[in-house]
Amino acid sequence: MQSKHFDVAALSRLLAPATRVQFLPSASLGPMGKPMDKAGLLSVMENGRSTMKDGRLPMEIIEVTDASAAGLIIAHTKSKGAFTVTGKPVTNEYSIIMWMDEVDGELKITRVREFLDSAVVQSLRG
């Protein structure tokens, strides 16, 4: 299964207003590794859209663990056929943990921890 778009508007609708997010490992990611709120995540996503060719980051979903009874979804993904606007290939693997809860009668993402290859992120910066 592949997801290709940085659909920031769709993501925004899935996030609770008080969502907390962190990209890890934090020490090697610099400012991107600091805890952020919903607006911070949406800003990172907008930046990613402008960095990637055609505003896309094709991803292959390797595994999804549904622990929704505990309010958790865990996803293992990797980029596939992804390139920056300058043509540089982007090869990264991700583990994403999302906590979910009912907010105003709807199931929303309330917390995210995303583990990624910080060396790849650093190589894209410069």
N, C-alpha and C. Protein backbone atom coordinates (compact mmCIF):
# COMPACT_ATOMS: atom_id res chain seq x y z
N MET A 1 0.85 -1.17 0.00
CA MET A 1 0.00 0.00 0.00
C MET A 1 0.90 1.24 0.00
N GLN A 2 0.58 2.24 -0.80
CA GLN A 2 1.38 3.46 -0.87
C GLN A 2 0.54 4.69 -0.59
N SER A 3 1.14 5.62 0.13
CA SER A 3 0.55 6.94 0.34
C SER A 3 1.53 7.93 -0.27
N LYS A 4 1.06 8.90 -1.07
CA LYS A 4 1.98 9.74 -1.80
C LYS A 4 1.94 11.21 -1.46
N HIS A 5 0.86 11.71 -0.94
CA HIS A 5 0.70 13.15 -0.80
C HIS A 5 1.02 13.66 0.60
N PHE A 6 1.58 14.85 0.64
CA PHE A 6 1.69 15.60 1.89
C PHE A 6 0.36 16.35 2.01
N ASP A 7 -0.68 15.68 2.41
CA ASP A 7 -2.00 16.31 2.50
C ASP A 7 -2.14 16.92 3.88
N VAL A 8 -1.66 18.14 4.00
CA VAL A 8 -1.60 18.82 5.29
C VAL A 8 -3.01 19.09 5.83
N ALA A 9 -3.93 19.45 4.96
CA ALA A 9 -5.31 19.72 5.39
C ALA A 9 -5.96 18.46 5.95
N ALA A 10 -5.76 17.33 5.30
CA ALA A 10 -6.33 16.07 5.78
C ALA A 10 -5.72 15.69 7.12
N LEU A 11 -4.41 15.85 7.25
CA LEU A 11 -3.75 15.55 8.52
C LEU A 11 -4.29 16.44 9.62
N SER A 12 -4.45 17.70 9.33
CA SER A 12 -4.95 18.65 10.33
C SER A 12 -6.29 18.21 10.90
N ARG A 13 -7.16 17.69 10.06
CA ARG A 13 -8.48 17.25 10.52
C ARG A 13 -8.39 16.03 11.43
N LEU A 14 -7.33 15.23 11.30
CA LEU A 14 -7.16 14.03 12.13
C LEU A 14 -6.54 14.32 13.48
N LEU A 15 -5.91 15.48 13.62
CA LEU A 15 -5.19 15.82 14.84
C LEU A 15 -6.08 16.57 15.83
N ALA A 16 -5.98 16.21 17.10
CA ALA A 16 -6.67 16.94 18.15
C ALA A 16 -6.00 18.32 18.29
N PRO A 17 -6.74 19.32 18.74
CA PRO A 17 -6.14 20.66 18.90
C PRO A 17 -4.89 20.66 19.80
N ALA A 18 -4.86 19.82 20.82
CA ALA A 18 -3.73 19.80 21.76
C ALA A 18 -2.71 18.70 21.44
N THR A 19 -2.67 18.22 20.22
CA THR A 19 -1.74 17.15 19.83
C THR A 19 -0.31 17.56 20.14
N ARG A 20 0.47 16.61 20.67
CA ARG A 20 1.90 16.78 20.94
C ARG A 20 2.66 15.81 20.05
N VAL A 21 3.75 16.30 19.46
CA VAL A 21 4.51 15.52 18.47
C VAL A 21 5.99 15.63 18.76
N GLN A 22 6.72 14.54 18.50
CA GLN A 22 8.17 14.60 18.56
C GLN A 22 8.77 13.65 17.54
N PHE A 23 9.76 14.16 16.81
CA PHE A 23 10.55 13.35 15.89
C PHE A 23 11.79 12.90 16.64
N LEU A 24 12.15 11.63 16.48
CA LEU A 24 13.27 11.05 17.22
C LEU A 24 14.21 10.31 16.28
N PRO A 25 15.48 10.17 16.61
CA PRO A 25 16.14 10.54 17.84
C PRO A 25 16.36 12.05 17.93
N SER A 26 15.93 12.63 19.02
CA SER A 26 15.90 14.08 19.16
C SER A 26 17.29 14.73 19.13
N ALA A 27 18.29 14.10 19.74
CA ALA A 27 19.62 14.72 19.83
C ALA A 27 20.23 15.00 18.47
N SER A 28 20.02 14.12 17.51
CA SER A 28 20.65 14.28 16.20
C SER A 28 19.79 15.03 15.19
N LEU A 29 18.57 15.38 15.57
CA LEU A 29 17.69 16.08 14.64
C LEU A 29 17.66 17.60 14.86
N GLY A 30 18.36 18.06 15.89
CA GLY A 30 18.39 19.51 16.14
C GLY A 30 16.99 20.02 16.45
N PRO A 31 16.66 21.22 15.93
CA PRO A 31 15.35 21.82 16.24
C PRO A 31 14.16 20.93 15.85
N MET A 32 14.32 20.13 14.80
CA MET A 32 13.23 19.25 14.38
C MET A 32 12.92 18.18 15.44
N GLY A 33 13.88 17.89 16.32
CA GLY A 33 13.70 16.87 17.35
C GLY A 33 13.07 17.38 18.63
N LYS A 34 12.81 18.68 18.69
CA LYS A 34 12.19 19.23 19.90
C LYS A 34 10.69 18.96 19.88
N PRO A 35 10.09 18.71 21.04
CA PRO A 35 8.64 18.50 21.08
C PRO A 35 7.92 19.68 20.45
N MET A 36 6.84 19.38 19.74
CA MET A 36 6.08 20.44 19.07
C MET A 36 4.59 20.18 19.22
N ASP A 37 3.82 21.20 18.90
CA ASP A 37 2.38 21.09 18.94
C ASP A 37 1.84 20.83 17.53
N LYS A 38 0.53 20.85 17.40
CA LYS A 38 -0.12 20.60 16.12
C LYS A 38 0.38 21.56 15.05
N ALA A 39 0.45 22.85 15.38
CA ALA A 39 0.90 23.85 14.40
C ALA A 39 2.33 23.57 13.96
N GLY A 40 3.18 23.13 14.90
CA GLY A 40 4.56 22.80 14.55
C GLY A 40 4.64 21.64 13.58
N LEU A 41 3.84 20.60 13.82
CA LEU A 41 3.83 19.46 12.90
C LEU A 41 3.34 19.88 11.52
N LEU A 42 2.28 20.65 11.48
CA LEU A 42 1.75 21.08 10.18
C LEU A 42 2.76 21.93 9.44
N SER A 43 3.55 22.72 10.16
CA SER A 43 4.61 23.51 9.55
C SER A 43 5.70 22.61 8.96
N VAL A 44 6.08 21.58 9.71
CA VAL A 44 7.08 20.62 9.21
C VAL A 44 6.55 19.94 7.95
N MET A 45 5.28 19.60 7.94
CA MET A 45 4.68 18.94 6.77
C MET A 45 4.67 19.89 5.56
N GLU A 46 4.32 21.15 5.78
CA GLU A 46 4.33 22.14 4.69
C GLU A 46 5.74 22.29 4.13
N ASN A 47 6.73 22.35 5.01
CA ASN A 47 8.12 22.45 4.59
C ASN A 47 8.52 21.22 3.78
N GLY A 48 8.10 20.05 4.25
CA GLY A 48 8.39 18.81 3.53
C GLY A 48 7.78 18.81 2.14
N ARG A 49 6.59 19.33 2.04
CA ARG A 49 5.92 19.38 0.74
C ARG A 49 6.71 20.26 -0.23
N SER A 50 7.27 21.37 0.25
CA SER A 50 8.03 22.26 -0.63
C SER A 50 9.42 21.71 -0.95
N THR A 51 9.90 20.77 -0.14
CA THR A 51 11.23 20.18 -0.33
C THR A 51 11.21 19.01 -1.32
N MET A 52 10.08 18.32 -1.39
CA MET A 52 10.00 17.09 -2.18
C MET A 52 9.49 17.35 -3.59
N LYS A 53 10.02 16.59 -4.54
CA LYS A 53 9.60 16.69 -5.94
C LYS A 53 8.09 16.50 -6.04
N ASP A 54 7.45 17.42 -6.73
CA ASP A 54 6.00 17.40 -6.91
C ASP A 54 5.23 17.41 -5.59
N GLY A 55 5.90 17.84 -4.50
CA GLY A 55 5.24 17.90 -3.20
C GLY A 55 4.83 16.55 -2.66
N ARG A 56 5.54 15.50 -3.07
CA ARG A 56 5.16 14.14 -2.70
C ARG A 56 6.30 13.41 -1.99
N LEU A 57 5.92 12.55 -1.07
CA LEU A 57 6.84 11.63 -0.42
C LEU A 57 6.21 10.24 -0.48
N PRO A 58 6.45 9.53 -1.60
CA PRO A 58 5.87 8.19 -1.71
C PRO A 58 6.37 7.29 -0.58
N MET A 59 5.43 6.63 0.07
CA MET A 59 5.75 5.77 1.21
C MET A 59 5.16 4.39 1.00
N GLU A 60 5.92 3.40 1.41
CA GLU A 60 5.41 2.04 1.45
C GLU A 60 5.11 1.71 2.90
N ILE A 61 3.92 1.24 3.16
CA ILE A 61 3.56 0.83 4.51
C ILE A 61 3.98 -0.63 4.66
N ILE A 62 4.91 -0.86 5.57
CA ILE A 62 5.43 -2.21 5.76
C ILE A 62 4.55 -2.99 6.74
N GLU A 63 4.18 -2.32 7.83
CA GLU A 63 3.36 -3.00 8.83
C GLU A 63 2.61 -1.97 9.65
N VAL A 64 1.38 -2.28 9.99
CA VAL A 64 0.60 -1.47 10.90
C VAL A 64 0.12 -2.38 12.02
N THR A 65 0.39 -1.97 13.24
CA THR A 65 -0.07 -2.71 14.41
C THR A 65 -1.21 -1.93 15.02
N ASP A 66 -2.36 -2.54 15.04
CA ASP A 66 -3.55 -1.90 15.58
C ASP A 66 -3.69 -2.30 17.05
N ALA A 67 -3.34 -1.38 17.89
CA ALA A 67 -3.53 -1.58 19.33
C ALA A 67 -4.56 -0.56 19.80
N SER A 68 -5.60 -0.40 18.97
CA SER A 68 -6.60 0.64 19.24
C SER A 68 -7.33 0.44 20.56
N ALA A 69 -7.37 -0.80 21.04
CA ALA A 69 -7.98 -1.03 22.34
C ALA A 69 -7.23 -0.28 23.43
N ALA A 70 -5.94 -0.04 23.19
CA ALA A 70 -5.11 0.74 24.12
C ALA A 70 -4.93 2.17 23.63
N GLY A 71 -5.63 2.52 22.55
CA GLY A 71 -5.53 3.88 22.02
C GLY A 71 -4.28 4.11 21.19
N LEU A 72 -3.69 3.05 20.65
CA LEU A 72 -2.44 3.16 19.90
C LEU A 72 -2.55 2.59 18.50
N ILE A 73 -1.83 3.22 17.58
CA ILE A 73 -1.59 2.68 16.25
C ILE A 73 -0.08 2.81 16.03
N ILE A 74 0.56 1.74 15.58
CA ILE A 74 1.99 1.76 15.33
C ILE A 74 2.21 1.39 13.87
N ALA A 75 2.94 2.23 13.15
CA ALA A 75 3.18 1.99 11.73
C ALA A 75 4.67 1.95 11.43
N HIS A 76 5.07 1.00 10.60
CA HIS A 76 6.45 0.90 10.10
C HIS A 76 6.35 1.19 8.60
N THR A 77 7.03 2.24 8.15
CA THR A 77 6.96 2.64 6.75
C THR A 77 8.36 2.93 6.22
N LYS A 78 8.46 3.06 4.89
CA LYS A 78 9.71 3.53 4.31
C LYS A 78 9.39 4.31 3.04
N SER A 79 10.25 5.27 2.76
CA SER A 79 10.07 6.04 1.53
C SER A 79 10.42 5.13 0.35
N LYS A 80 9.74 5.38 -0.77
CA LYS A 80 9.94 4.52 -1.93
C LYS A 80 9.80 5.38 -3.19
N GLY A 81 10.88 5.51 -3.95
CA GLY A 81 10.84 6.32 -5.16
C GLY A 81 10.66 7.80 -4.87
N ALA A 82 11.20 8.26 -3.75
CA ALA A 82 11.06 9.66 -3.34
C ALA A 82 12.30 10.46 -3.74
N PHE A 83 12.07 11.70 -4.18
CA PHE A 83 13.16 12.58 -4.60
C PHE A 83 12.88 14.00 -4.13
N THR A 84 13.96 14.73 -3.84
CA THR A 84 13.82 16.15 -3.51
C THR A 84 13.58 16.93 -4.80
N VAL A 85 13.27 18.21 -4.65
CA VAL A 85 13.05 19.05 -5.84
C VAL A 85 14.32 19.16 -6.67
N THR A 86 15.49 18.91 -6.07
CA THR A 86 16.75 18.96 -6.81
C THR A 86 17.13 17.61 -7.41
N GLY A 87 16.26 16.59 -7.20
CA GLY A 87 16.51 15.28 -7.78
C GLY A 87 17.25 14.30 -6.89
N LYS A 88 17.57 14.70 -5.66
CA LYS A 88 18.29 13.81 -4.74
C LYS A 88 17.33 12.74 -4.21
N PRO A 89 17.72 11.46 -4.31
CA PRO A 89 16.84 10.41 -3.79
C PRO A 89 16.72 10.49 -2.26
N VAL A 90 15.54 10.17 -1.77
CA VAL A 90 15.29 10.15 -0.33
C VAL A 90 14.92 8.73 0.05
N THR A 91 15.80 8.11 0.82
CA THR A 91 15.57 6.75 1.29
C THR A 91 15.59 6.78 2.81
N ASN A 92 14.44 6.58 3.40
CA ASN A 92 14.35 6.64 4.86
C ASN A 92 13.34 5.61 5.32
N GLU A 93 13.50 5.20 6.55
CA GLU A 93 12.58 4.26 7.17
C GLU A 93 12.03 4.91 8.43
N TYR A 94 10.77 4.64 8.74
CA TYR A 94 10.09 5.33 9.82
C TYR A 94 9.33 4.34 10.69
N SER A 95 9.31 4.59 11.98
CA SER A 95 8.40 3.93 12.91
C SER A 95 7.60 5.04 13.56
N ILE A 96 6.29 4.97 13.43
CA ILE A 96 5.42 6.03 13.89
C ILE A 96 4.45 5.45 14.92
N ILE A 97 4.45 6.05 16.10
CA ILE A 97 3.53 5.65 17.16
C ILE A 97 2.53 6.78 17.32
N MET A 98 1.25 6.46 17.20
CA MET A 98 0.20 7.47 17.34
C MET A 98 -0.75 7.05 18.44
N TRP A 99 -0.98 7.95 19.38
CA TRP A 99 -1.95 7.75 20.43
C TRP A 99 -3.24 8.44 19.99
N MET A 100 -4.36 7.78 20.20
CA MET A 100 -5.64 8.33 19.76
C MET A 100 -6.62 8.34 20.93
N ASP A 101 -7.54 9.31 20.88
CA ASP A 101 -8.55 9.41 21.91
C ASP A 101 -9.76 10.13 21.33
N GLU A 102 -10.88 10.00 21.99
CA GLU A 102 -12.06 10.71 21.55
C GLU A 102 -11.99 12.16 22.02
N VAL A 103 -12.14 13.07 21.06
CA VAL A 103 -12.12 14.51 21.34
C VAL A 103 -13.37 15.10 20.68
N ASP A 104 -14.23 15.71 21.47
CA ASP A 104 -15.47 16.30 20.95
C ASP A 104 -16.27 15.30 20.10
N GLY A 105 -16.32 14.06 20.58
CA GLY A 105 -17.12 13.05 19.91
C GLY A 105 -16.48 12.39 18.70
N GLU A 106 -15.23 12.75 18.38
CA GLU A 106 -14.53 12.16 17.24
C GLU A 106 -13.19 11.58 17.68
N LEU A 107 -12.79 10.47 17.04
CA LEU A 107 -11.49 9.87 17.31
C LEU A 107 -10.42 10.73 16.66
N LYS A 108 -9.46 11.20 17.46
CA LYS A 108 -8.41 12.09 16.96
C LYS A 108 -7.04 11.60 17.43
N ILE A 109 -6.02 11.96 16.69
CA ILE A 109 -4.63 11.69 17.10
C ILE A 109 -4.27 12.74 18.14
N THR A 110 -3.81 12.27 19.31
CA THR A 110 -3.48 13.20 20.40
C THR A 110 -1.99 13.31 20.67
N ARG A 111 -1.23 12.31 20.22
CA ARG A 111 0.22 12.31 20.47
C ARG A 111 0.89 11.48 19.39
N VAL A 112 2.08 11.92 18.94
CA VAL A 112 2.83 11.20 17.90
C VAL A 112 4.30 11.17 18.29
N ARG A 113 4.91 10.02 18.13
CA ARG A 113 6.37 9.86 18.23
C ARG A 113 6.79 9.20 16.93
N GLU A 114 7.62 9.89 16.15
CA GLU A 114 8.07 9.35 14.87
C GLU A 114 9.58 9.17 14.90
N PHE A 115 10.02 7.93 14.73
CA PHE A 115 11.44 7.60 14.69
C PHE A 115 11.85 7.51 13.23
N LEU A 116 12.95 8.19 12.88
CA LEU A 116 13.43 8.18 11.51
C LEU A 116 14.95 8.20 11.49
N ASP A 117 15.51 8.00 10.32
CA ASP A 117 16.95 7.98 10.16
C ASP A 117 17.46 9.41 10.11
N SER A 118 18.02 9.87 11.21
CA SER A 118 18.46 11.26 11.31
C SER A 118 19.60 11.57 10.34
N ALA A 119 20.40 10.58 9.96
CA ALA A 119 21.47 10.82 8.99
C ALA A 119 20.88 11.24 7.64
N VAL A 120 19.76 10.63 7.26
CA VAL A 120 19.11 11.01 6.00
C VAL A 120 18.60 12.44 6.08
N VAL A 121 17.97 12.79 7.21
CA VAL A 121 17.47 14.15 7.40
C VAL A 121 18.62 15.16 7.31
N GLN A 122 19.73 14.86 7.98
CA GLN A 122 20.89 15.76 7.95
C GLN A 122 21.44 15.90 6.52
N SER A 123 21.46 14.82 5.76
CA SER A 123 21.98 14.88 4.39
C SER A 123 21.08 15.75 3.50
N LEU A 124 19.81 15.83 3.80
CA LEU A 124 18.90 16.65 3.01
C LEU A 124 19.06 18.14 3.32
N ARG A 125 19.57 18.43 4.50
CA ARG A 125 19.75 19.83 4.92
C ARG A 125 20.96 20.47 4.28
N GLY A 126 21.90 19.70 3.85
CA GLY A 126 23.08 20.37 3.33
C GLY A 126 24.02 19.45 2.70
